[in-house]
């Protein structure tokens, strides 16, 4: 029971950190990059994050592949939210 709770807490923490860092990075650093506005950008970023996280979670005792998938999904959603933040900060088009 304790291992399940620790694994769940680690999964939620990884998802929160992935979402917030991806949103901040896309909105701040990638503001002037045109490739951010492509519709498949969050899918590519989320997939890459999940692939990077898979070997790392393989070494940890309390988490599994679901944590890596949740981390990749949260990074993709954070990138999409950062893209929306960029659009909201731009002046309206005439």
PDB file of N, CA and C in Angstrom:
ATOM      1  N   UNK A   1       0.814  -1.198   0.000  1.00  0.00           N
ATOM      2  CA  UNK A   1       0.000   0.000   0.000  1.00  0.00           C
ATOM      3  C   UNK A   1       0.859   1.263   0.000  1.00  0.00           C
ATOM      4  N   UNK A   2       1.931   1.215   0.801  1.00  0.00           N
ATOM      5  CA  UNK A   2       2.814   2.379   0.872  1.00  0.00           C
ATOM      6  C   UNK A   2       3.496   2.630  -0.475  1.00  0.00           C
ATOM      7  N   UNK A   3       3.931   1.561  -1.141  1.00  0.00           N
ATOM      8  CA  UNK A   3       4.576   1.700  -2.443  1.00  0.00           C
ATOM      9  C   UNK A   3       3.648   2.294  -3.486  1.00  0.00           C
ATOM     10  N   UNK A   4       2.378   1.933  -3.422  1.00  0.00           N
ATOM     11  CA  UNK A   4       1.394   2.477  -4.356  1.00  0.00           C
ATOM     12  C   UNK A   4       1.215   3.974  -4.145  1.00  0.00           C
ATOM     13  N   UNK A   5       1.143   4.400  -2.893  1.00  0.00           N
ATOM     14  CA  UNK A   5       0.978   5.825  -2.605  1.00  0.00           C
ATOM     15  C   UNK A   5       2.213   6.628  -2.998  1.00  0.00           C
ATOM     16  N   UNK A   6       3.392   6.061  -2.775  1.00  0.00           N
ATOM     17  CA  UNK A   6       4.624   6.752  -3.162  1.00  0.00           C
ATOM     18  C   UNK A   6       4.692   6.864  -4.685  1.00  0.00           C
ATOM     19  N   UNK A   7       4.369   5.794  -5.378  1.00  0.00           N
ATOM     20  CA  UNK A   7       4.368   5.836  -6.841  1.00  0.00           C
ATOM     21  C   UNK A   7       3.368   6.829  -7.395  1.00  0.00           C
ATOM     22  N   UNK A   8       2.202   6.901  -6.789  1.00  0.00           N
ATOM     23  CA  UNK A   8       1.184   7.859  -7.224  1.00  0.00           C
ATOM     24  C   UNK A   8       1.631   9.293  -6.966  1.00  0.00           C
ATOM     25  N   UNK A   9       2.249   9.530  -5.827  1.00  0.00           N
ATOM     26  CA  UNK A   9       2.746  10.871  -5.516  1.00  0.00           C
ATOM     27  C   UNK A   9       3.855  11.284  -6.474  1.00  0.00           C
ATOM     28  N   UNK A  10       4.741  10.356  -6.803  1.00  0.00           N
ATOM     29  CA  UNK A  10       5.813  10.659  -7.756  1.00  0.00           C
ATOM     30  C   UNK A  10       5.229  10.942  -9.135  1.00  0.00           C
ATOM     31  N   UNK A  11       4.220  10.197  -9.534  1.00  0.00           N
ATOM     32  CA  UNK A  11       3.584  10.415 -10.835  1.00  0.00           C
ATOM     33  C   UNK A  11       2.923  11.779 -10.917  1.00  0.00           C
ATOM     34  N   UNK A  12       2.191  12.153  -9.873  1.00  0.00           N
ATOM     35  CA  UNK A  12       1.543  13.466  -9.874  1.00  0.00           C
ATOM     36  C   UNK A  12       2.565  14.598  -9.847  1.00  0.00           C
ATOM     37  N   UNK A  13       3.632  14.424  -9.085  1.00  0.00           N
ATOM     38  CA  UNK A  13       4.669  15.452  -9.034  1.00  0.00           C
ATOM     39  C   UNK A  13       5.358  15.601 -10.386  1.00  0.00           C
ATOM     40  N   UNK A  14       5.666  14.491 -11.042  1.00  0.00           N
ATOM     41  CA  UNK A  14       6.308  14.554 -12.358  1.00  0.00           C
ATOM     42  C   UNK A  14       5.387  15.204 -13.376  1.00  0.00           C
ATOM     43  N   UNK A  15       4.102  14.891 -13.329  1.00  0.00           N
ATOM     44  CA  UNK A  15       3.151  15.484 -14.268  1.00  0.00           C
ATOM     45  C   UNK A  15       3.018  16.991 -14.033  1.00  0.00           C
ATOM     46  N   UNK A  16       2.967  17.402 -12.774  1.00  0.00           N
ATOM     47  CA  UNK A  16       2.847  18.833 -12.464  1.00  0.00           C
ATOM     48  C   UNK A  16       4.079  19.603 -12.912  1.00  0.00           C
ATOM     49  N   UNK A  17       5.250  19.066 -12.607  1.00  0.00           N
ATOM     50  CA  UNK A  17       6.493  19.736 -12.992  1.00  0.00           C
ATOM     51  C   UNK A  17       6.629  19.768 -14.516  1.00  0.00           C
ATOM     52  N   UNK A  18       6.298  18.683 -15.194  1.00  0.00           N
ATOM     53  CA  UNK A  18       6.380  18.654 -16.649  1.00  0.00           C
ATOM     54  C   UNK A  18       5.456  19.674 -17.297  1.00  0.00           C
ATOM     55  N   UNK A  19       4.235  19.765 -16.799  1.00  0.00           N
ATOM     56  CA  UNK A  19       3.270  20.716 -17.357  1.00  0.00           C
ATOM     57  C   UNK A  19       3.738  22.158 -17.151  1.00  0.00           C
ATOM     58  N   UNK A  20       4.098  22.491 -15.918  1.00  0.00           N
ATOM     59  CA  UNK A  20       4.432  23.886 -15.613  1.00  0.00           C
ATOM     60  C   UNK A  20       5.718  24.318 -16.305  1.00  0.00           C
ATOM     61  N   UNK A  21       6.721  23.450 -16.351  1.00  0.00           N
ATOM     62  CA  UNK A  21       7.980  23.818 -17.000  1.00  0.00           C
ATOM     63  C   UNK A  21       7.820  23.935 -18.518  1.00  0.00           C
ATOM     64  N   UNK A  22       7.051  23.049 -19.119  1.00  0.00           N
ATOM     65  CA  UNK A  22       6.835  23.127 -20.567  1.00  0.00           C
ATOM     66  C   UNK A  22       6.048  24.378 -20.930  1.00  0.00           C
ATOM     67  N   UNK A  23       5.040  24.704 -20.145  1.00  0.00           N
ATOM     68  CA  UNK A  23       4.251  25.901 -20.424  1.00  0.00           C
ATOM     69  C   UNK A  23       5.109  27.155 -20.303  1.00  0.00           C
ATOM     70  N   UNK A  24       5.911  27.228 -19.252  1.00  0.00           N
ATOM     71  CA  UNK A  24       6.771  28.392 -19.051  1.00  0.00           C
ATOM     72  C   UNK A  24       7.828  28.487 -20.154  1.00  0.00           C
ATOM     73  N   UNK A  25       8.406  27.369 -20.555  1.00  0.00           N
ATOM     74  CA  UNK A  25       9.450  27.382 -21.579  1.00  0.00           C
ATOM     75  C   UNK A  25       8.898  27.799 -22.933  1.00  0.00           C
ATOM     76  N   UNK A  26       7.752  27.256 -23.314  1.00  0.00           N
ATOM     77  CA  UNK A  26       7.173  27.600 -24.625  1.00  0.00           C
ATOM     78  C   UNK A  26       6.732  29.052 -24.644  1.00  0.00           C
ATOM     79  N   UNK A  27       6.100  29.517 -23.586  1.00  0.00           N
ATOM     80  CA  UNK A  27       5.607  30.894 -23.568  1.00  0.00           C
ATOM     81  C   UNK A  27       6.737  31.910 -23.453  1.00  0.00           C
ATOM     82  N   UNK A  28       7.813  31.542 -22.782  1.00  0.00           N
ATOM     83  CA  UNK A  28       8.889  32.504 -22.572  1.00  0.00           C
ATOM     84  C   UNK A  28       9.982  32.435 -23.618  1.00  0.00           C
ATOM     85  N   UNK A  29      10.549  31.272 -23.822  1.00  0.00           N
ATOM     86  CA  UNK A  29      11.722  31.145 -24.685  1.00  0.00           C
ATOM     87  C   UNK A  29      11.377  30.920 -26.155  1.00  0.00           C
ATOM     88  N   UNK A  30      10.268  30.275 -26.431  1.00  0.00           N
ATOM     89  CA  UNK A  30       9.926  29.967 -27.819  1.00  0.00           C
ATOM     90  C   UNK A  30       8.880  30.922 -28.388  1.00  0.00           C
ATOM     91  N   UNK A  31       8.785  32.088 -27.808  1.00  0.00           N
ATOM     92  CA  UNK A  31       7.782  33.066 -28.230  1.00  0.00           C
ATOM     93  C   UNK A  31       7.935  33.455 -29.698  1.00  0.00           C
ATOM     94  N   UNK A  32       9.165  33.580 -30.177  1.00  0.00           N
ATOM     95  CA  UNK A  32       9.402  34.075 -31.528  1.00  0.00           C
ATOM     96  C   UNK A  32       9.759  32.965 -32.517  1.00  0.00           C
ATOM     97  N   UNK A  33       9.519  31.736 -32.162  1.00  0.00           N
ATOM     98  CA  UNK A  33       9.808  30.607 -33.038  1.00  0.00           C
ATOM     99  C   UNK A  33       8.511  30.217 -33.744  1.00  0.00           C
ATOM    100  N   UNK A  34       8.524  30.253 -35.065  1.00  0.00           N
ATOM    101  CA  UNK A  34       7.305  29.974 -35.820  1.00  0.00           C
ATOM    102  C   UNK A  34       6.877  28.514 -35.745  1.00  0.00           C
ATOM    103  N   UNK A  35       7.804  27.612 -35.534  1.00  0.00           N
ATOM    104  CA  UNK A  35       7.476  26.183 -35.501  1.00  0.00           C
ATOM    105  C   UNK A  35       6.591  25.826 -34.307  1.00  0.00           C
ATOM    106  N   UNK A  36       6.520  26.682 -33.322  1.00  0.00           N
ATOM    107  CA  UNK A  36       5.682  26.410 -32.147  1.00  0.00           C
ATOM    108  C   UNK A  36       4.211  26.428 -32.528  1.00  0.00           C
ATOM    109  N   UNK A  37       3.858  27.145 -33.541  1.00  0.00           N
ATOM    110  CA  UNK A  37       2.457  27.301 -33.911  1.00  0.00           C
ATOM    111  C   UNK A  37       1.918  26.185 -34.792  1.00  0.00           C
ATOM    112  N   UNK A  38       2.708  25.164 -35.074  1.00  0.00           N
ATOM    113  CA  UNK A  38       2.199  24.039 -35.852  1.00  0.00           C
ATOM    114  C   UNK A  38       1.281  23.185 -34.977  1.00  0.00           C
ATOM    115  N   UNK A  39       0.259  22.576 -35.540  1.00  0.00           N
ATOM    116  CA  UNK A  39      -0.702  21.833 -34.709  1.00  0.00           C
ATOM    117  C   UNK A  39      -0.138  20.548 -34.105  1.00  0.00           C
ATOM    118  N   UNK A  40       0.918  19.988 -34.674  1.00  0.00           N
ATOM    119  CA  UNK A  40       1.458  18.732 -34.156  1.00  0.00           C
ATOM    120  C   UNK A  40       2.606  18.928 -33.174  1.00  0.00           C
ATOM    121  N   UNK A  41       2.960  20.161 -32.883  1.00  0.00           N
ATOM    122  CA  UNK A  41       4.067  20.444 -31.989  1.00  0.00           C
ATOM    123  C   UNK A  41       3.865  19.851 -30.592  1.00  0.00           C
ATOM    124  N   UNK A  42       2.712  19.984 -29.943  1.00  0.00           N
ATOM    125  CA  UNK A  42       2.556  19.366 -28.614  1.00  0.00           C
ATOM    126  C   UNK A  42       2.667  17.845 -28.641  1.00  0.00           C
ATOM    127  N   UNK A  43       2.203  17.214 -29.715  1.00  0.00           N
ATOM    128  CA  UNK A  43       2.328  15.758 -29.826  1.00  0.00           C
ATOM    129  C   UNK A  43       3.788  15.331 -29.935  1.00  0.00           C
ATOM    130  N   UNK A  44       4.562  16.061 -30.723  1.00  0.00           N
ATOM    131  CA  UNK A  44       5.972  15.733 -30.875  1.00  0.00           C
ATOM    132  C   UNK A  44       6.740  15.942 -29.572  1.00  0.00           C
ATOM    133  N   UNK A  45       6.480  17.036 -28.910  1.00  0.00           N
ATOM    134  CA  UNK A  45       7.172  17.329 -27.657  1.00  0.00           C
ATOM    135  C   UNK A  45       6.778  16.327 -26.582  1.00  0.00           C
ATOM    136  N   UNK A  46       5.503  16.010 -26.473  1.00  0.00           N
ATOM    137  CA  UNK A  46       5.045  15.041 -25.484  1.00  0.00           C
ATOM    138  C   UNK A  46       5.590  13.648 -25.743  1.00  0.00           C
ATOM    139  N   UNK A  47       5.628  13.243 -27.004  1.00  0.00           N
ATOM    140  CA  UNK A  47       6.187  11.941 -27.344  1.00  0.00           C
ATOM    141  C   UNK A  47       7.672  11.859 -27.038  1.00  0.00           C
ATOM    142  N   UNK A  48       8.390  12.930 -27.340  1.00  0.00           N
ATOM    143  CA  UNK A  48       9.826  12.952 -27.044  1.00  0.00           C
ATOM    144  C   UNK A  48      10.072  12.908 -25.543  1.00  0.00           C
ATOM    145  N   UNK A  49       9.256  13.626 -24.774  1.00  0.00           N
ATOM    146  CA  UNK A  49       9.420  13.612 -23.316  1.00  0.00           C
ATOM    147  C   UNK A  49       9.121  12.231 -22.747  1.00  0.00           C
ATOM    148  N   UNK A  50       8.113  11.552 -23.281  1.00  0.00           N
ATOM    149  CA  UNK A  50       7.796  10.202 -22.808  1.00  0.00           C
ATOM    150  C   UNK A  50       8.922   9.226 -23.158  1.00  0.00           C
ATOM    151  N   UNK A  51       9.504   9.359 -24.338  1.00  0.00           N
ATOM    152  CA  UNK A  51      10.606   8.478 -24.729  1.00  0.00           C
ATOM    153  C   UNK A  51      11.851   8.712 -23.875  1.00  0.00           C
ATOM    154  N   UNK A  52      12.091   9.955 -23.499  1.00  0.00           N
ATOM    155  CA  UNK A  52      13.228  10.254 -22.634  1.00  0.00           C
ATOM    156  C   UNK A  52      12.972   9.735 -21.216  1.00  0.00           C
ATOM    157  N   UNK A  53      11.728   9.801 -20.766  1.00  0.00           N
ATOM    158  CA  UNK A  53      11.399   9.388 -19.397  1.00  0.00           C
ATOM    159  C   UNK A  53      11.323   7.873 -19.241  1.00  0.00           C
ATOM    160  N   UNK A  54      11.092   7.124 -20.308  1.00  0.00           N
ATOM    161  CA  UNK A  54      10.958   5.663 -20.196  1.00  0.00           C
ATOM    162  C   UNK A  54      12.177   4.972 -19.593  1.00  0.00           C
ATOM    163  N   UNK A  55      13.402   5.255 -20.048  1.00  0.00           N
ATOM    164  CA  UNK A  55      14.537   4.579 -19.398  1.00  0.00           C
ATOM    165  C   UNK A  55      14.757   5.023 -17.959  1.00  0.00           C
ATOM    166  N   UNK A  56      14.386   6.251 -17.653  1.00  0.00           N
ATOM    167  CA  UNK A  56      14.570   6.757 -16.294  1.00  0.00           C
ATOM    168  C   UNK A  56      13.617   6.066 -15.336  1.00  0.00           C
ATOM    169  N   UNK A  57      12.359   5.917 -15.713  1.00  0.00           N
ATOM    170  CA  UNK A  57      11.410   5.251 -14.811  1.00  0.00           C
ATOM    171  C   UNK A  57      11.665   3.757 -14.734  1.00  0.00           C
ATOM    172  N   UNK A  58      12.389   3.221 -15.701  1.00  0.00           N
ATOM    173  CA  UNK A  58      12.764   1.817 -15.628  1.00  0.00           C
ATOM    174  C   UNK A  58      13.741   1.538 -14.491  1.00  0.00           C
ATOM    175  N   UNK A  59      14.475   2.553 -14.078  1.00  0.00           N
ATOM    176  CA  UNK A  59      15.435   2.400 -12.993  1.00  0.00           C
ATOM    177  C   UNK A  59      14.829   2.643 -11.615  1.00  0.00           C
ATOM    178  N   UNK A  60      13.696   3.299 -11.556  1.00  0.00           N
ATOM    179  CA  UNK A  60      13.089   3.646 -10.265  1.00  0.00           C
ATOM    180  C   UNK A  60      12.189   2.512  -9.774  1.00  0.00           C
ATOM    181  N   UNK A  61      12.162   2.265  -8.473  1.00  0.00           N
ATOM    182  CA  UNK A  61      11.425   1.097  -7.976  1.00  0.00           C
ATOM    183  C   UNK A  61       9.908   1.258  -7.883  1.00  0.00           C
ATOM    184  N   UNK A  62       9.394   2.459  -7.636  1.00  0.00           N
ATOM    185  CA  UNK A  62       7.968   2.611  -7.357  1.00  0.00           C
ATOM    186  C   UNK A  62       7.125   3.048  -8.550  1.00  0.00           C
ATOM    187  N   UNK A  63       7.743   3.385  -9.663  1.00  0.00           N
ATOM    188  CA  UNK A  63       6.997   3.896 -10.809  1.00  0.00           C
ATOM    189  C   UNK A  63       7.205   2.991 -12.014  1.00  0.00           C
ATOM    190  N   UNK A  64       6.342   3.147 -12.999  1.00  0.00           N
ATOM    191  CA  UNK A  64       6.415   2.306 -14.187  1.00  0.00           C
ATOM    192  C   UNK A  64       6.227   3.111 -15.453  1.00  0.00           C
ATOM    193  N   UNK A  65       5.858   2.427 -16.501  1.00  0.00           N
ATOM    194  CA  UNK A  65       5.697   3.065 -17.798  1.00  0.00           C
ATOM    195  C   UNK A  65       4.535   4.058 -17.810  1.00  0.00           C
ATOM    196  N   UNK A  66       3.539   3.831 -16.976  1.00  0.00           N
ATOM    197  CA  UNK A  66       2.421   4.772 -16.898  1.00  0.00           C
ATOM    198  C   UNK A  66       2.854   6.152 -16.441  1.00  0.00           C
ATOM    199  N   UNK A  67       3.851   6.198 -15.576  1.00  0.00           N
ATOM    200  CA  UNK A  67       4.379   7.481 -15.128  1.00  0.00           C
ATOM    201  C   UNK A  67       5.049   8.212 -16.282  1.00  0.00           C
ATOM    202  N   UNK A  68       5.797   7.505 -17.105  1.00  0.00           N
ATOM    203  CA  UNK A  68       6.444   8.124 -18.251  1.00  0.00           C
ATOM    204  C   UNK A  68       5.412   8.625 -19.253  1.00  0.00           C
ATOM    205  N   UNK A  69       4.351   7.863 -19.456  1.00  0.00           N
ATOM    206  CA  UNK A  69       3.298   8.288 -20.373  1.00  0.00           C
ATOM    207  C   UNK A  69       2.558   9.510 -19.829  1.00  0.00           C
ATOM    208  N   UNK A  70       2.281   9.510 -18.528  1.00  0.00           N
ATOM    209  CA  UNK A  70       1.630  10.667 -17.914  1.00  0.00           C
ATOM    210  C   UNK A  70       2.528  11.896 -17.975  1.00  0.00           C
ATOM    211  N   UNK A  71       3.823  11.699 -17.783  1.00  0.00           N
ATOM    212  CA  UNK A  71       4.765  12.811 -17.886  1.00  0.00           C
ATOM    213  C   UNK A  71       4.785  13.365 -19.309  1.00  0.00           C
ATOM    214  N   UNK A  72       4.828  12.497 -20.307  1.00  0.00           N
ATOM    215  CA  UNK A  72       4.826  12.945 -21.700  1.00  0.00           C
ATOM    216  C   UNK A  72       3.542  13.675 -22.059  1.00  0.00           C
ATOM    217  N   UNK A  73       2.414  13.163 -21.577  1.00  0.00           N
ATOM    218  CA  UNK A  73       1.139  13.832 -21.844  1.00  0.00           C
ATOM    219  C   UNK A  73       1.084  15.201 -21.177  1.00  0.00           C
ATOM    220  N   UNK A  74       1.601  15.304 -19.961  1.00  0.00           N
ATOM    221  CA  UNK A  74       1.569  16.596 -19.272  1.00  0.00           C
ATOM    222  C   UNK A  74       2.497  17.596 -19.939  1.00  0.00           C
ATOM    223  N   UNK A  75       3.633  17.150 -20.444  1.00  0.00           N
ATOM    224  CA  UNK A  75       4.531  18.051 -21.163  1.00  0.00           C
ATOM    225  C   UNK A  75       3.872  18.523 -22.461  1.00  0.00           C
ATOM    226  N   UNK A  76       3.200  17.627 -23.167  1.00  0.00           N
ATOM    227  CA  UNK A  76       2.492  18.022 -24.386  1.00  0.00           C
ATOM    228  C   UNK A  76       1.369  19.009 -24.105  1.00  0.00           C
ATOM    229  N   UNK A  77       0.622  18.768 -23.039  1.00  0.00           N
ATOM    230  CA  UNK A  77      -0.448  19.699 -22.676  1.00  0.00           C
ATOM    231  C   UNK A  77       0.112  21.045 -22.222  1.00  0.00           C
ATOM    232  N   UNK A  78       1.233  21.028 -21.525  1.00  0.00           N
ATOM    233  CA  UNK A  78       1.878  22.276 -21.120  1.00  0.00           C
ATOM    234  C   UNK A  78       2.381  23.067 -22.312  1.00  0.00           C
ATOM    235  N   UNK A  79       2.915  22.376 -23.305  1.00  0.00           N
ATOM    236  CA  UNK A  79       3.362  23.061 -24.524  1.00  0.00           C
ATOM    237  C   UNK A  79       2.182  23.677 -25.266  1.00  0.00           C
ATOM    238  N   UNK A  80       1.064  22.958 -25.302  1.00  0.00           N
ATOM    239  CA  UNK A  80      -0.131  23.510 -25.956  1.00  0.00           C
ATOM    240  C   UNK A  80      -0.654  24.725 -25.197  1.00  0.00           C
ATOM    241  N   UNK A  81      -0.607  24.675 -23.877  1.00  0.00           N
ATOM    242  CA  UNK A  81      -1.059  25.815 -23.080  1.00  0.00           C
ATOM    243  C   UNK A  81      -0.118  27.001 -23.254  1.00  0.00           C
ATOM    244  N   UNK A  82       1.173  26.751 -23.364  1.00  0.00           N
ATOM    245  CA  UNK A  82       2.120  27.833 -23.620  1.00  0.00           C
ATOM    246  C   UNK A  82       1.900  28.470 -24.973  1.00  0.00           C
ATOM    247  N   UNK A  83       1.521  27.653 -25.937  1.00  0.00           N
ATOM    248  CA  UNK A  83       1.212  28.181 -27.269  1.00  0.00           C
ATOM    249  C   UNK A  83      -0.010  29.099 -27.215  1.00  0.00           C
ATOM    250  N   UNK A  84      -0.995  28.730 -26.408  1.00  0.00           N
ATOM    251  CA  UNK A  84      -2.183  29.576 -26.242  1.00  0.00           C
ATOM    252  C   UNK A  84      -1.809  30.872 -25.522  1.00  0.00           C
ATOM    253  N   UNK A  85      -0.908  30.783 -24.544  1.00  0.00           N
ATOM    254  CA  UNK A  85      -0.453  31.994 -23.850  1.00  0.00           C
ATOM    255  C   UNK A  85       0.225  32.964 -24.810  1.00  0.00           C
ATOM    256  N   UNK A  86       0.970  32.431 -25.768  1.00  0.00           N
ATOM    257  CA  UNK A  86       1.626  33.290 -26.756  1.00  0.00           C
ATOM    258  C   UNK A  86       0.576  33.998 -27.597  1.00  0.00           C
ATOM    259  N   UNK A  87      -0.432  33.259 -28.033  1.00  0.00           N
ATOM    260  CA  UNK A  87      -1.480  33.871 -28.866  1.00  0.00           C
ATOM    261  C   UNK A  87      -2.256  34.936 -28.114  1.00  0.00           C
ATOM    262  N   UNK A  88      -2.490  34.723 -26.819  1.00  0.00           N
ATOM    263  CA  UNK A  88      -3.230  35.708 -26.026  1.00  0.00           C
ATOM    264  C   UNK A  88      -2.423  36.968 -25.781  1.00  0.00           C
ATOM    265  N   UNK A  89      -1.104  36.863 -25.753  1.00  0.00           N
ATOM    266  CA  UNK A  89      -0.267  38.037 -25.458  1.00  0.00           C
ATOM    267  C   UNK A  89      -0.015  38.891 -26.686  1.00  0.00           C
ATOM    268  N   UNK A  90      -0.276  38.378 -27.875  1.00  0.00           N
ATOM    269  CA  UNK A  90      -0.065  39.151 -29.099  1.00  0.00           C
ATOM    270  C   UNK A  90      -1.194  40.147 -29.297  1.00  0.00           C
ATOM    271  N   UNK A  91      -0.896  41.279 -29.931  1.00  0.00           N
ATOM    272  CA  UNK A  91      -1.970  42.233 -30.226  1.00  0.00           C
ATOM    273  C   UNK A  91      -2.919  41.648 -31.271  1.00  0.00           C
ATOM    274  N   UNK A  92      -4.166  42.078 -31.273  1.00  0.00           N
ATOM    275  CA  UNK A  92      -5.122  41.534 -32.257  1.00  0.00           C
ATOM    276  C   UNK A  92      -4.759  41.953 -33.677  1.00  0.00           C
ATOM    277  N   UNK A  93      -5.051  41.053 -34.608  1.00  0.00           N
ATOM    278  CA  UNK A  93      -4.762  41.354 -36.013  1.00  0.00           C
ATOM    279  C   UNK A  93      -5.829  42.272 -36.581  1.00  0.00           C
ATOM    280  N   UNK A  94      -5.419  43.072 -37.511  1.00  0.00           N
ATOM    281  CA  UNK A  94      -6.364  44.029 -38.132  1.00  0.00           C
ATOM    282  C   UNK A  94      -6.963  43.449 -39.357  1.00  0.00           C
TER     283      UNK A  94
END
